[in-house]
Amino acid sequence: MAKRKKRRSLPAALADALLTLIDALCEGAASLFMLLGRGLLALLRLIGRGLLALARLLARALAFPFVRLSRLRGGRHRRAAQCLRLTGEEFEAYLAQVLRDNGFREIELTRASGDQGVDILATRNGRSYAIQCKNYEGAVGNFAVQEAYAGAQFYGCDEAAVVCPGTFTRAAKELAASTGVRLWDGVWLSRMMKRSGRKPRHRENA
């Protein structure tokens, strides 16, 4: 004879159902928290990558003017540096052509008559110039400034100038400031060469 199944009491059934519900809610909450945690972590990673990309972009934007200026100055000096392959006489003759292309007139090379510290005489806008040319690597010192100043006095010129494809020493700049001698460096020379359109040519490569 079959045994009858023992019926569970109503309170026990309710308690069992409540426990099952609580267990399901806990599992759901745990899954939800895990999903939220993963989503938050992914969001933080995305924000971090965006901030890093923004920082790089900002750094490039801030550095662009300085990089551009550096490249421009480097390009200008490289253009003037082409003159270094010329001899002293070739540089003076080439500079005379460049000056003429830039509005200087009555240009005269003085090497044939004893230059007295001046290589080129020229006029521009009603003023006369005594120009000393220094075509070598390295910074030009204050002795060139002294030569140009004395030469301008000798020839009775309004302006004295020293031109070179490089730079000038601090002492040369200080002396030029006190004597009024113009210093035309590689940047100035490159700008004049660009306007002229002429390229320096060594006679062996002409």
N, C-alpha and C. Protein backbone atom coordinates (compact mmCIF):
# COMPACT_ATOMS: atom_id res chain seq x y z
N MET A 1 0.85 -1.16 0.00
CA MET A 1 0.00 0.00 0.00
C MET A 1 0.90 1.24 0.00
N ALA A 2 0.59 2.15 -0.99
CA ALA A 2 1.46 3.33 -1.15
C ALA A 2 1.31 4.30 -0.01
N LYS A 3 2.49 4.89 0.32
CA LYS A 3 2.48 5.87 1.40
C LYS A 3 2.10 7.24 0.86
N ARG A 4 1.35 7.98 1.57
CA ARG A 4 0.97 9.34 1.18
C ARG A 4 2.13 10.31 1.47
N LYS A 5 2.31 11.23 0.48
CA LYS A 5 3.34 12.25 0.68
C LYS A 5 2.90 13.20 1.77
N LYS A 6 3.89 13.52 2.58
CA LYS A 6 3.61 14.40 3.70
C LYS A 6 3.53 15.84 3.22
N ARG A 7 2.43 16.47 3.43
CA ARG A 7 2.26 17.85 3.01
C ARG A 7 3.07 18.78 3.90
N ARG A 8 3.71 19.80 3.18
CA ARG A 8 4.47 20.79 3.93
C ARG A 8 3.50 21.84 4.46
N SER A 9 3.83 22.34 5.59
CA SER A 9 2.97 23.35 6.19
C SER A 9 3.10 24.64 5.41
N LEU A 10 2.10 25.49 5.44
CA LEU A 10 2.10 26.75 4.71
C LEU A 10 3.22 27.67 5.15
N PRO A 11 3.49 27.81 6.41
CA PRO A 11 4.62 28.69 6.83
C PRO A 11 5.96 28.21 6.29
N ALA A 12 6.14 26.90 6.27
CA ALA A 12 7.40 26.37 5.75
C ALA A 12 7.54 26.65 4.27
N ALA A 13 6.43 26.49 3.53
CA ALA A 13 6.45 26.76 2.09
C ALA A 13 6.75 28.22 1.82
N LEU A 14 6.15 29.09 2.60
CA LEU A 14 6.38 30.52 2.43
C LEU A 14 7.83 30.89 2.73
N ALA A 15 8.35 30.28 3.78
CA ALA A 15 9.75 30.56 4.14
C ALA A 15 10.69 30.08 3.06
N ASP A 16 10.39 28.89 2.51
CA ASP A 16 11.23 28.35 1.44
C ASP A 16 11.16 29.24 0.20
N ALA A 17 9.97 29.72 -0.14
CA ALA A 17 9.83 30.60 -1.29
C ALA A 17 10.54 31.92 -1.06
N LEU A 18 10.46 32.42 0.17
CA LEU A 18 11.12 33.68 0.50
C LEU A 18 12.63 33.55 0.39
N LEU A 19 13.14 32.41 0.87
CA LEU A 19 14.58 32.18 0.77
C LEU A 19 15.02 32.07 -0.69
N THR A 20 14.20 31.41 -1.48
CA THR A 20 14.52 31.29 -2.91
C THR A 20 14.54 32.67 -3.57
N LEU A 21 13.56 33.50 -3.21
CA LEU A 21 13.48 34.84 -3.76
C LEU A 21 14.68 35.68 -3.36
N ILE A 22 15.04 35.59 -2.09
CA ILE A 22 16.20 36.35 -1.59
C ILE A 22 17.48 35.90 -2.29
N ASP A 23 17.60 34.58 -2.47
CA ASP A 23 18.77 34.04 -3.14
C ASP A 23 18.86 34.55 -4.59
N ALA A 24 17.71 34.56 -5.26
CA ALA A 24 17.67 35.06 -6.65
C ALA A 24 18.00 36.54 -6.70
N LEU A 25 17.46 37.31 -5.74
CA LEU A 25 17.75 38.75 -5.70
C LEU A 25 19.23 39.00 -5.45
N CYS A 26 19.84 38.20 -4.58
CA CYS A 26 21.27 38.38 -4.29
C CYS A 26 22.12 38.08 -5.52
N GLU A 27 21.76 36.99 -6.21
CA GLU A 27 22.51 36.65 -7.42
C GLU A 27 22.34 37.75 -8.48
N GLY A 28 21.11 38.26 -8.60
CA GLY A 28 20.89 39.33 -9.57
C GLY A 28 21.65 40.60 -9.22
N ALA A 29 21.66 40.93 -7.92
CA ALA A 29 22.39 42.12 -7.49
C ALA A 29 23.88 41.97 -7.73
N ALA A 30 24.39 40.76 -7.44
CA ALA A 30 25.82 40.52 -7.67
C ALA A 30 26.18 40.65 -9.14
N SER A 31 25.31 40.10 -10.01
CA SER A 31 25.55 40.20 -11.45
C SER A 31 25.48 41.65 -11.91
N LEU A 32 24.50 42.39 -11.36
CA LEU A 32 24.36 43.79 -11.72
C LEU A 32 25.57 44.61 -11.31
N PHE A 33 26.05 44.36 -10.08
CA PHE A 33 27.23 45.08 -9.61
C PHE A 33 28.46 44.76 -10.46
N MET A 34 28.58 43.50 -10.87
CA MET A 34 29.71 43.11 -11.71
C MET A 34 29.64 43.81 -13.07
N LEU A 35 28.43 43.86 -13.64
CA LEU A 35 28.26 44.54 -14.91
C LEU A 35 28.54 46.04 -14.78
N LEU A 36 28.04 46.64 -13.69
CA LEU A 36 28.30 48.06 -13.46
C LEU A 36 29.79 48.33 -13.28
N GLY A 37 30.45 47.44 -12.54
CA GLY A 37 31.89 47.60 -12.32
C GLY A 37 32.67 47.51 -13.62
N ARG A 38 32.32 46.54 -14.46
CA ARG A 38 33.00 46.40 -15.75
C ARG A 38 32.72 47.61 -16.64
N GLY A 39 31.47 48.05 -16.64
CA GLY A 39 31.13 49.22 -17.44
C GLY A 39 31.84 50.47 -16.98
N LEU A 40 31.92 50.65 -15.64
CA LEU A 40 32.63 51.82 -15.10
C LEU A 40 34.11 51.77 -15.43
N LEU A 41 34.69 50.57 -15.33
CA LEU A 41 36.11 50.42 -15.66
C LEU A 41 36.36 50.72 -17.12
N ALA A 42 35.49 50.23 -18.00
CA ALA A 42 35.63 50.51 -19.43
C ALA A 42 35.48 52.00 -19.71
N LEU A 43 34.53 52.64 -19.00
CA LEU A 43 34.33 54.08 -19.18
C LEU A 43 35.54 54.87 -18.72
N LEU A 44 36.12 54.47 -17.58
CA LEU A 44 37.32 55.14 -17.09
C LEU A 44 38.48 54.98 -18.06
N ARG A 45 38.62 53.80 -18.64
CA ARG A 45 39.68 53.59 -19.62
C ARG A 45 39.47 54.46 -20.85
N LEU A 46 38.22 54.54 -21.29
CA LEU A 46 37.92 55.37 -22.44
C LEU A 46 38.19 56.85 -22.16
N ILE A 47 37.81 57.31 -20.98
CA ILE A 47 38.06 58.70 -20.60
C ILE A 47 39.56 58.97 -20.51
N GLY A 48 40.29 58.00 -19.96
CA GLY A 48 41.74 58.16 -19.85
C GLY A 48 42.41 58.26 -21.22
N ARG A 49 41.97 57.41 -22.15
CA ARG A 49 42.53 57.48 -23.50
C ARG A 49 42.19 58.81 -24.17
N GLY A 50 40.97 59.26 -23.96
CA GLY A 50 40.57 60.54 -24.54
C GLY A 50 41.37 61.69 -23.97
N LEU A 51 41.59 61.68 -22.64
CA LEU A 51 42.38 62.74 -22.03
C LEU A 51 43.82 62.71 -22.51
N LEU A 52 44.36 61.49 -22.68
CA LEU A 52 45.73 61.37 -23.17
C LEU A 52 45.85 61.89 -24.59
N ALA A 53 44.88 61.53 -25.44
CA ALA A 53 44.89 62.04 -26.82
C ALA A 53 44.74 63.55 -26.85
N LEU A 54 43.90 64.08 -25.97
CA LEU A 54 43.71 65.53 -25.90
C LEU A 54 44.98 66.23 -25.44
N ALA A 55 45.66 65.63 -24.46
CA ALA A 55 46.91 66.21 -23.96
C ALA A 55 47.97 66.22 -25.06
N ARG A 56 48.04 65.14 -25.84
CA ARG A 56 49.01 65.09 -26.94
C ARG A 56 48.69 66.14 -27.99
N LEU A 57 47.41 66.27 -28.30
CA LEU A 57 47.00 67.25 -29.29
C LEU A 57 47.30 68.67 -28.82
N LEU A 58 47.05 68.93 -27.53
CA LEU A 58 47.33 70.24 -26.97
C LEU A 58 48.82 70.53 -26.97
N ALA A 59 49.63 69.52 -26.64
CA ALA A 59 51.08 69.70 -26.64
C ALA A 59 51.60 70.01 -28.04
N ARG A 60 51.05 69.32 -29.03
CA ARG A 60 51.46 69.59 -30.41
C ARG A 60 51.06 70.99 -30.85
N ALA A 61 49.85 71.40 -30.44
CA ALA A 61 49.38 72.73 -30.81
C ALA A 61 50.24 73.81 -30.18
N LEU A 62 50.63 73.61 -28.91
CA LEU A 62 51.47 74.60 -28.23
C LEU A 62 52.88 74.63 -28.80
N ALA A 63 53.37 73.45 -29.22
CA ALA A 63 54.75 73.37 -29.72
C ALA A 63 54.86 73.78 -31.17
N PHE A 64 53.75 73.80 -31.91
CA PHE A 64 53.79 74.07 -33.36
C PHE A 64 54.48 75.39 -33.70
N PRO A 65 54.12 76.52 -33.05
CA PRO A 65 54.79 77.78 -33.41
C PRO A 65 56.30 77.73 -33.22
N PHE A 66 56.74 77.07 -32.14
CA PHE A 66 58.18 77.01 -31.87
C PHE A 66 58.88 76.09 -32.87
N VAL A 67 58.23 74.97 -33.21
CA VAL A 67 58.81 74.06 -34.20
C VAL A 67 58.89 74.73 -35.56
N ARG A 68 57.80 75.45 -35.89
CA ARG A 68 57.76 76.15 -37.18
C ARG A 68 58.85 77.21 -37.24
N LEU A 69 59.00 77.97 -36.16
CA LEU A 69 60.03 79.01 -36.13
C LEU A 69 61.41 78.41 -36.24
N SER A 70 61.62 77.30 -35.53
CA SER A 70 62.92 76.63 -35.58
C SER A 70 63.23 76.15 -36.99
N ARG A 71 62.22 75.58 -37.67
CA ARG A 71 62.43 75.11 -39.04
C ARG A 71 62.71 76.26 -39.99
N LEU A 72 61.97 77.36 -39.80
CA LEU A 72 62.19 78.51 -40.66
C LEU A 72 63.59 79.08 -40.48
N ARG A 73 64.00 79.22 -39.22
CA ARG A 73 65.33 79.75 -38.95
C ARG A 73 66.39 78.79 -39.48
N GLY A 74 66.16 77.49 -39.29
CA GLY A 74 67.10 76.51 -39.81
C GLY A 74 67.21 76.57 -41.32
N GLY A 75 66.05 76.73 -41.99
CA GLY A 75 66.05 76.83 -43.44
C GLY A 75 66.76 78.08 -43.92
N ARG A 76 66.56 79.18 -43.20
CA ARG A 76 67.23 80.43 -43.58
C ARG A 76 68.73 80.30 -43.43
N HIS A 77 69.17 79.73 -42.32
CA HIS A 77 70.61 79.57 -42.13
C HIS A 77 71.20 78.61 -43.16
N ARG A 78 70.46 77.57 -43.53
CA ARG A 78 70.96 76.64 -44.53
C ARG A 78 71.12 77.33 -45.88
N ARG A 79 70.19 78.24 -46.20
CA ARG A 79 70.30 78.97 -47.47
C ARG A 79 71.56 79.84 -47.46
N ALA A 80 71.78 80.56 -46.38
CA ALA A 80 72.96 81.42 -46.30
C ALA A 80 74.24 80.60 -46.25
N ALA A 81 74.17 79.41 -45.65
CA ALA A 81 75.36 78.57 -45.53
C ALA A 81 75.88 78.11 -46.88
N GLN A 82 75.06 78.19 -47.92
CA GLN A 82 75.52 77.83 -49.25
C GLN A 82 76.66 78.75 -49.70
N CYS A 83 76.73 79.93 -49.12
CA CYS A 83 77.78 80.88 -49.49
C CYS A 83 79.16 80.42 -49.01
N LEU A 84 79.20 79.50 -48.07
CA LEU A 84 80.48 79.08 -47.51
C LEU A 84 81.35 78.36 -48.52
N ARG A 85 80.74 77.86 -49.59
CA ARG A 85 81.55 77.18 -50.61
C ARG A 85 82.23 78.17 -51.56
N LEU A 86 81.91 79.44 -51.44
CA LEU A 86 82.50 80.47 -52.27
C LEU A 86 83.82 80.95 -51.69
N THR A 87 84.70 81.41 -52.54
CA THR A 87 85.91 82.07 -52.06
C THR A 87 85.53 83.47 -51.57
N GLY A 88 86.48 84.15 -50.97
CA GLY A 88 86.20 85.50 -50.48
C GLY A 88 85.78 86.44 -51.59
N GLU A 89 86.49 86.42 -52.71
CA GLU A 89 86.16 87.29 -53.84
C GLU A 89 84.81 86.90 -54.45
N GLU A 90 84.56 85.60 -54.55
CA GLU A 90 83.28 85.14 -55.09
C GLU A 90 82.12 85.58 -54.21
N PHE A 91 82.32 85.51 -52.91
CA PHE A 91 81.27 85.93 -51.98
C PHE A 91 80.97 87.41 -52.13
N GLU A 92 82.00 88.21 -52.25
CA GLU A 92 81.81 89.66 -52.42
C GLU A 92 81.07 89.96 -53.72
N ALA A 93 81.47 89.28 -54.81
CA ALA A 93 80.81 89.51 -56.10
C ALA A 93 79.35 89.04 -56.05
N TYR A 94 79.12 87.90 -55.41
CA TYR A 94 77.76 87.38 -55.30
C TYR A 94 76.89 88.31 -54.45
N LEU A 95 77.45 88.78 -53.34
CA LEU A 95 76.69 89.68 -52.47
C LEU A 95 76.37 90.98 -53.20
N ALA A 96 77.28 91.47 -54.03
CA ALA A 96 77.02 92.68 -54.80
C ALA A 96 75.80 92.49 -55.70
N GLN A 97 75.68 91.30 -56.31
CA GLN A 97 74.53 90.99 -57.15
C GLN A 97 73.24 90.94 -56.33
N VAL A 98 73.33 90.29 -55.17
CA VAL A 98 72.15 90.18 -54.30
C VAL A 98 71.70 91.56 -53.82
N LEU A 99 72.66 92.39 -53.47
CA LEU A 99 72.32 93.75 -53.04
C LEU A 99 71.65 94.53 -54.16
N ARG A 100 72.16 94.38 -55.36
CA ARG A 100 71.56 95.08 -56.50
C ARG A 100 70.12 94.62 -56.72
N ASP A 101 69.89 93.33 -56.56
CA ASP A 101 68.53 92.79 -56.73
C ASP A 101 67.59 93.27 -55.63
N ASN A 102 68.15 93.75 -54.53
CA ASN A 102 67.33 94.21 -53.41
C ASN A 102 67.30 95.74 -53.28
N GLY A 103 67.60 96.41 -54.36
CA GLY A 103 67.41 97.86 -54.37
C GLY A 103 68.63 98.71 -54.09
N PHE A 104 69.80 98.10 -53.88
CA PHE A 104 71.02 98.89 -53.68
C PHE A 104 71.56 99.34 -55.05
N ARG A 105 72.14 100.50 -55.07
CA ARG A 105 72.65 101.05 -56.32
C ARG A 105 74.07 101.57 -56.12
N GLU A 106 74.69 101.96 -57.24
CA GLU A 106 76.07 102.48 -57.22
C GLU A 106 77.00 101.54 -56.45
N ILE A 107 76.88 100.27 -56.75
CA ILE A 107 77.64 99.24 -56.04
C ILE A 107 79.07 99.18 -56.60
N GLU A 108 80.02 99.17 -55.69
CA GLU A 108 81.43 99.15 -56.09
C GLU A 108 82.20 98.19 -55.18
N LEU A 109 82.97 97.29 -55.79
CA LEU A 109 83.85 96.39 -55.05
C LEU A 109 85.19 97.09 -54.86
N THR A 110 85.71 97.13 -53.65
CA THR A 110 86.90 97.93 -53.35
C THR A 110 88.18 97.13 -53.31
N ARG A 111 88.12 95.82 -53.56
CA ARG A 111 89.32 95.00 -53.35
C ARG A 111 90.50 95.40 -54.23
N ALA A 112 90.23 96.03 -55.37
CA ALA A 112 91.32 96.38 -56.29
C ALA A 112 92.11 97.60 -55.83
N SER A 113 91.58 98.38 -54.91
CA SER A 113 92.23 99.63 -54.54
C SER A 113 92.58 99.73 -53.05
N GLY A 114 92.66 98.59 -52.35
CA GLY A 114 92.93 98.65 -50.91
C GLY A 114 91.66 99.01 -50.18
N ASP A 115 91.05 98.03 -49.56
CA ASP A 115 89.66 98.23 -49.13
C ASP A 115 89.50 99.05 -47.85
N GLN A 116 90.56 99.25 -47.08
CA GLN A 116 90.46 100.02 -45.84
C GLN A 116 89.37 99.45 -44.90
N GLY A 117 89.26 98.14 -44.89
CA GLY A 117 88.27 97.49 -44.01
C GLY A 117 86.89 97.41 -44.60
N VAL A 118 86.72 97.78 -45.87
CA VAL A 118 85.41 97.75 -46.53
C VAL A 118 85.55 97.00 -47.85
N ASP A 119 84.61 96.11 -48.12
CA ASP A 119 84.65 95.31 -49.34
C ASP A 119 83.69 95.83 -50.41
N ILE A 120 82.57 96.40 -50.00
CA ILE A 120 81.57 96.87 -50.95
C ILE A 120 81.08 98.26 -50.54
N LEU A 121 80.99 99.15 -51.53
CA LEU A 121 80.36 100.45 -51.33
C LEU A 121 79.06 100.45 -52.12
N ALA A 122 77.99 100.98 -51.53
CA ALA A 122 76.70 100.99 -52.21
C ALA A 122 75.82 102.09 -51.63
N THR A 123 74.75 102.40 -52.35
CA THR A 123 73.78 103.37 -51.85
C THR A 123 72.38 102.76 -51.93
N ARG A 124 71.53 103.25 -51.04
CA ARG A 124 70.13 102.81 -51.05
C ARG A 124 69.29 103.88 -50.35
N ASN A 125 68.22 104.27 -51.00
CA ASN A 125 67.31 105.28 -50.44
C ASN A 125 68.05 106.54 -50.01
N GLY A 126 69.02 106.94 -50.82
CA GLY A 126 69.73 108.18 -50.56
C GLY A 126 70.81 108.10 -49.51
N ARG A 127 71.12 106.92 -48.99
CA ARG A 127 72.16 106.77 -47.98
C ARG A 127 73.25 105.85 -48.51
N SER A 128 74.48 106.19 -48.15
CA SER A 128 75.63 105.41 -48.63
C SER A 128 76.05 104.39 -47.57
N TYR A 129 76.50 103.22 -48.05
CA TYR A 129 76.86 102.10 -47.17
C TYR A 129 78.29 101.65 -47.43
N ALA A 130 78.99 101.39 -46.34
CA ALA A 130 80.30 100.74 -46.39
C ALA A 130 80.13 99.36 -45.76
N ILE A 131 80.36 98.32 -46.56
CA ILE A 131 80.01 96.95 -46.14
C ILE A 131 81.25 96.08 -46.06
N GLN A 132 81.41 95.45 -44.94
CA GLN A 132 82.48 94.50 -44.71
C GLN A 132 81.91 93.09 -44.84
N CYS A 133 82.55 92.23 -45.65
CA CYS A 133 82.06 90.86 -45.89
C CYS A 133 82.93 89.86 -45.14
N LYS A 134 82.29 88.97 -44.39
CA LYS A 134 82.99 87.91 -43.67
C LYS A 134 82.32 86.59 -43.99
N ASN A 135 83.01 85.79 -44.80
CA ASN A 135 82.41 84.53 -45.25
C ASN A 135 83.18 83.34 -44.68
N TYR A 136 82.86 83.00 -43.43
CA TYR A 136 83.46 81.82 -42.81
C TYR A 136 82.53 81.28 -41.73
N GLU A 137 82.78 80.04 -41.36
CA GLU A 137 81.96 79.41 -40.34
C GLU A 137 82.32 79.97 -38.96
N GLY A 138 81.36 79.94 -38.07
CA GLY A 138 81.58 80.46 -36.73
C GLY A 138 81.10 81.89 -36.61
N ALA A 139 81.02 82.34 -35.38
CA ALA A 139 80.52 83.69 -35.11
C ALA A 139 81.60 84.73 -35.43
N VAL A 140 81.18 85.81 -36.02
CA VAL A 140 82.09 86.91 -36.37
C VAL A 140 82.28 87.81 -35.16
N GLY A 141 83.53 88.17 -34.87
CA GLY A 141 83.85 88.95 -33.68
C GLY A 141 83.81 90.46 -33.91
N ASN A 142 84.21 91.19 -32.87
CA ASN A 142 84.08 92.65 -32.92
C ASN A 142 85.15 93.33 -33.77
N PHE A 143 86.20 92.59 -34.17
CA PHE A 143 87.22 93.21 -35.04
C PHE A 143 86.61 93.61 -36.37
N ALA A 144 85.67 92.80 -36.89
CA ALA A 144 85.00 93.13 -38.15
C ALA A 144 84.16 94.40 -37.99
N VAL A 145 83.58 94.56 -36.81
CA VAL A 145 82.80 95.78 -36.55
C VAL A 145 83.71 97.00 -36.55
N GLN A 146 84.88 96.87 -35.95
CA GLN A 146 85.84 97.96 -35.94
C GLN A 146 86.28 98.33 -37.35
N GLU A 147 86.54 97.30 -38.18
CA GLU A 147 86.95 97.54 -39.56
C GLU A 147 85.87 98.29 -40.35
N ALA A 148 84.63 97.82 -40.20
CA ALA A 148 83.53 98.45 -40.94
C ALA A 148 83.33 99.90 -40.50
N TYR A 149 83.42 100.12 -39.21
CA TYR A 149 83.25 101.49 -38.69
C TYR A 149 84.35 102.42 -39.22
N ALA A 150 85.60 101.96 -39.16
CA ALA A 150 86.71 102.77 -39.64
C ALA A 150 86.62 102.99 -41.15
N GLY A 151 86.21 101.93 -41.87
CA GLY A 151 86.09 102.05 -43.33
C GLY A 151 85.01 103.04 -43.73
N ALA A 152 83.90 103.04 -43.01
CA ALA A 152 82.83 103.99 -43.30
C ALA A 152 83.29 105.43 -43.09
N GLN A 153 84.11 105.63 -42.04
CA GLN A 153 84.66 106.97 -41.79
C GLN A 153 85.62 107.37 -42.91
N PHE A 154 86.40 106.41 -43.36
CA PHE A 154 87.39 106.69 -44.42
C PHE A 154 86.71 107.08 -45.73
N TYR A 155 85.66 106.35 -46.09
CA TYR A 155 84.97 106.60 -47.36
C TYR A 155 83.86 107.65 -47.22
N GLY A 156 83.61 108.13 -46.02
CA GLY A 156 82.58 109.13 -45.82
C GLY A 156 81.17 108.61 -46.03
N CYS A 157 80.93 107.39 -45.64
CA CYS A 157 79.61 106.77 -45.83
C CYS A 157 78.69 107.05 -44.64
N ASP A 158 77.40 107.01 -44.91
CA ASP A 158 76.41 107.24 -43.86
C ASP A 158 76.24 106.04 -42.94
N GLU A 159 76.39 104.84 -43.51
CA GLU A 159 76.15 103.62 -42.76
C GLU A 159 77.32 102.66 -42.92
N ALA A 160 77.62 101.92 -41.83
CA ALA A 160 78.60 100.85 -41.88
C ALA A 160 77.89 99.54 -41.57
N ALA A 161 78.28 98.46 -42.25
CA ALA A 161 77.61 97.18 -42.05
C ALA A 161 78.60 96.04 -42.20
N VAL A 162 78.33 94.96 -41.47
CA VAL A 162 79.08 93.71 -41.60
C VAL A 162 78.08 92.63 -41.95
N VAL A 163 78.39 91.86 -43.01
CA VAL A 163 77.48 90.79 -43.44
C VAL A 163 78.22 89.46 -43.39
N CYS A 164 77.53 88.43 -42.91
CA CYS A 164 78.12 87.10 -42.83
C CYS A 164 77.00 86.05 -42.97
N PRO A 165 77.33 84.81 -43.33
CA PRO A 165 76.31 83.76 -43.46
C PRO A 165 75.96 83.09 -42.14
N GLY A 166 76.61 83.51 -41.06
CA GLY A 166 76.36 82.89 -39.76
C GLY A 166 75.81 83.86 -38.74
N THR A 167 76.53 84.00 -37.63
CA THR A 167 76.08 84.86 -36.53
C THR A 167 77.24 85.74 -36.07
N PHE A 168 76.94 86.55 -35.04
CA PHE A 168 77.95 87.43 -34.47
C PHE A 168 78.11 87.13 -32.98
N THR A 169 79.29 87.39 -32.47
CA THR A 169 79.54 87.19 -31.05
C THR A 169 78.82 88.26 -30.24
N ARG A 170 78.71 88.01 -28.96
CA ARG A 170 78.08 88.99 -28.07
C ARG A 170 78.87 90.29 -28.05
N ALA A 171 80.20 90.17 -28.05
CA ALA A 171 81.04 91.38 -28.05
C ALA A 171 80.82 92.20 -29.32
N ALA A 172 80.66 91.52 -30.46
CA ALA A 172 80.42 92.23 -31.71
C ALA A 172 79.08 92.96 -31.67
N LYS A 173 78.08 92.32 -31.09
CA LYS A 173 76.76 92.96 -31.00
C LYS A 173 76.80 94.17 -30.09
N GLU A 174 77.53 94.05 -28.99
CA GLU A 174 77.62 95.18 -28.06
C GLU A 174 78.34 96.36 -28.70
N LEU A 175 79.46 96.07 -29.42
CA LEU A 175 80.21 97.14 -30.07
C LEU A 175 79.38 97.77 -31.20
N ALA A 176 78.66 96.95 -31.96
CA ALA A 176 77.83 97.46 -33.04
C ALA A 176 76.72 98.36 -32.51
N ALA A 177 76.16 97.99 -31.35
CA ALA A 177 75.10 98.81 -30.76
C ALA A 177 75.62 100.18 -30.35
N SER A 178 76.86 100.23 -29.90
CA SER A 178 77.42 101.51 -29.43
C SER A 178 77.96 102.37 -30.57
N THR A 179 78.32 101.74 -31.70
CA THR A 179 78.90 102.50 -32.82
C THR A 179 77.90 102.71 -33.96
N GLY A 180 76.76 102.03 -33.91
CA GLY A 180 75.77 102.18 -34.97
C GLY A 180 76.05 101.34 -36.20
N VAL A 181 76.95 100.39 -36.10
CA VAL A 181 77.25 99.51 -37.23
C VAL A 181 76.13 98.47 -37.37
N ARG A 182 75.67 98.27 -38.59
CA ARG A 182 74.62 97.29 -38.84
C ARG A 182 75.23 95.89 -38.95
N LEU A 183 74.59 94.91 -38.31
CA LEU A 183 75.04 93.52 -38.39
C LEU A 183 74.02 92.72 -39.19
N TRP A 184 74.44 92.25 -40.35
CA TRP A 184 73.56 91.48 -41.23
C TRP A 184 74.00 90.02 -41.15
N ASP A 185 73.23 89.21 -40.41
CA ASP A 185 73.61 87.82 -40.17
C ASP A 185 73.03 86.88 -41.22
N GLY A 186 73.11 85.57 -40.94
CA GLY A 186 72.64 84.58 -41.90
C GLY A 186 71.15 84.67 -42.19
N VAL A 187 70.36 85.04 -41.19
CA VAL A 187 68.93 85.19 -41.41
C VAL A 187 68.66 86.34 -42.39
N TRP A 188 69.33 87.46 -42.16
CA TRP A 188 69.19 88.61 -43.06
C TRP A 188 69.66 88.25 -44.46
N LEU A 189 70.81 87.60 -44.55
CA LEU A 189 71.37 87.24 -45.85
C LEU A 189 70.45 86.27 -46.58
N SER A 190 69.90 85.30 -45.87
CA SER A 190 69.00 84.32 -46.50
C SER A 190 67.75 85.01 -47.05
N ARG A 191 67.23 85.97 -46.30
CA ARG A 191 66.06 86.70 -46.78
C ARG A 191 66.38 87.48 -48.05
N MET A 192 67.55 88.10 -48.08
CA MET A 192 67.97 88.84 -49.27
C MET A 192 68.20 87.90 -50.45
N MET A 193 68.78 86.73 -50.18
CA MET A 193 69.02 85.74 -51.24
C MET A 193 67.70 85.23 -51.81
N LYS A 194 66.72 85.04 -50.94
CA LYS A 194 65.42 84.56 -51.40
C LYS A 194 64.75 85.59 -52.30
N ARG A 195 64.82 86.85 -51.92
CA ARG A 195 64.24 87.91 -52.75
C ARG A 195 64.97 88.02 -54.08
N SER A 196 66.28 87.84 -54.05
CA SER A 196 67.08 87.95 -55.26
C SER A 196 66.80 86.79 -56.21
N GLY A 197 66.70 85.60 -55.67
CA GLY A 197 66.49 84.42 -56.51
C GLY A 197 67.77 83.85 -57.08
N ARG A 198 68.89 84.49 -56.80
CA ARG A 198 70.18 84.00 -57.29
C ARG A 198 70.75 82.95 -56.33
N LYS A 199 71.44 81.98 -56.90
CA LYS A 199 72.10 80.96 -56.09
C LYS A 199 73.61 81.16 -56.15
N PRO A 200 74.28 81.01 -55.03
CA PRO A 200 75.75 81.16 -55.05
C PRO A 200 76.40 80.02 -55.82
N ARG A 201 77.26 80.34 -56.74
CA ARG A 201 77.91 79.32 -57.58
C ARG A 201 79.43 79.49 -57.50
N HIS A 202 80.07 78.43 -57.05
CA HIS A 202 81.54 78.41 -57.04
C HIS A 202 82.01 78.26 -58.46
N ARG A 203 83.08 78.93 -58.81
CA ARG A 203 83.52 78.94 -60.22
C ARG A 203 83.82 77.53 -60.72
N GLU A 204 84.22 76.61 -59.83
CA GLU A 204 84.51 75.23 -60.27
C GLU A 204 83.23 74.50 -60.62
N ASN A 205 82.09 74.95 -60.03
CA ASN A 205 80.81 74.28 -60.29
C ASN A 205 79.94 75.07 -61.23
N ALA A 206 80.44 76.21 -61.71
CA ALA A 206 79.63 77.07 -62.57
C ALA A 206 79.41 76.44 -63.95
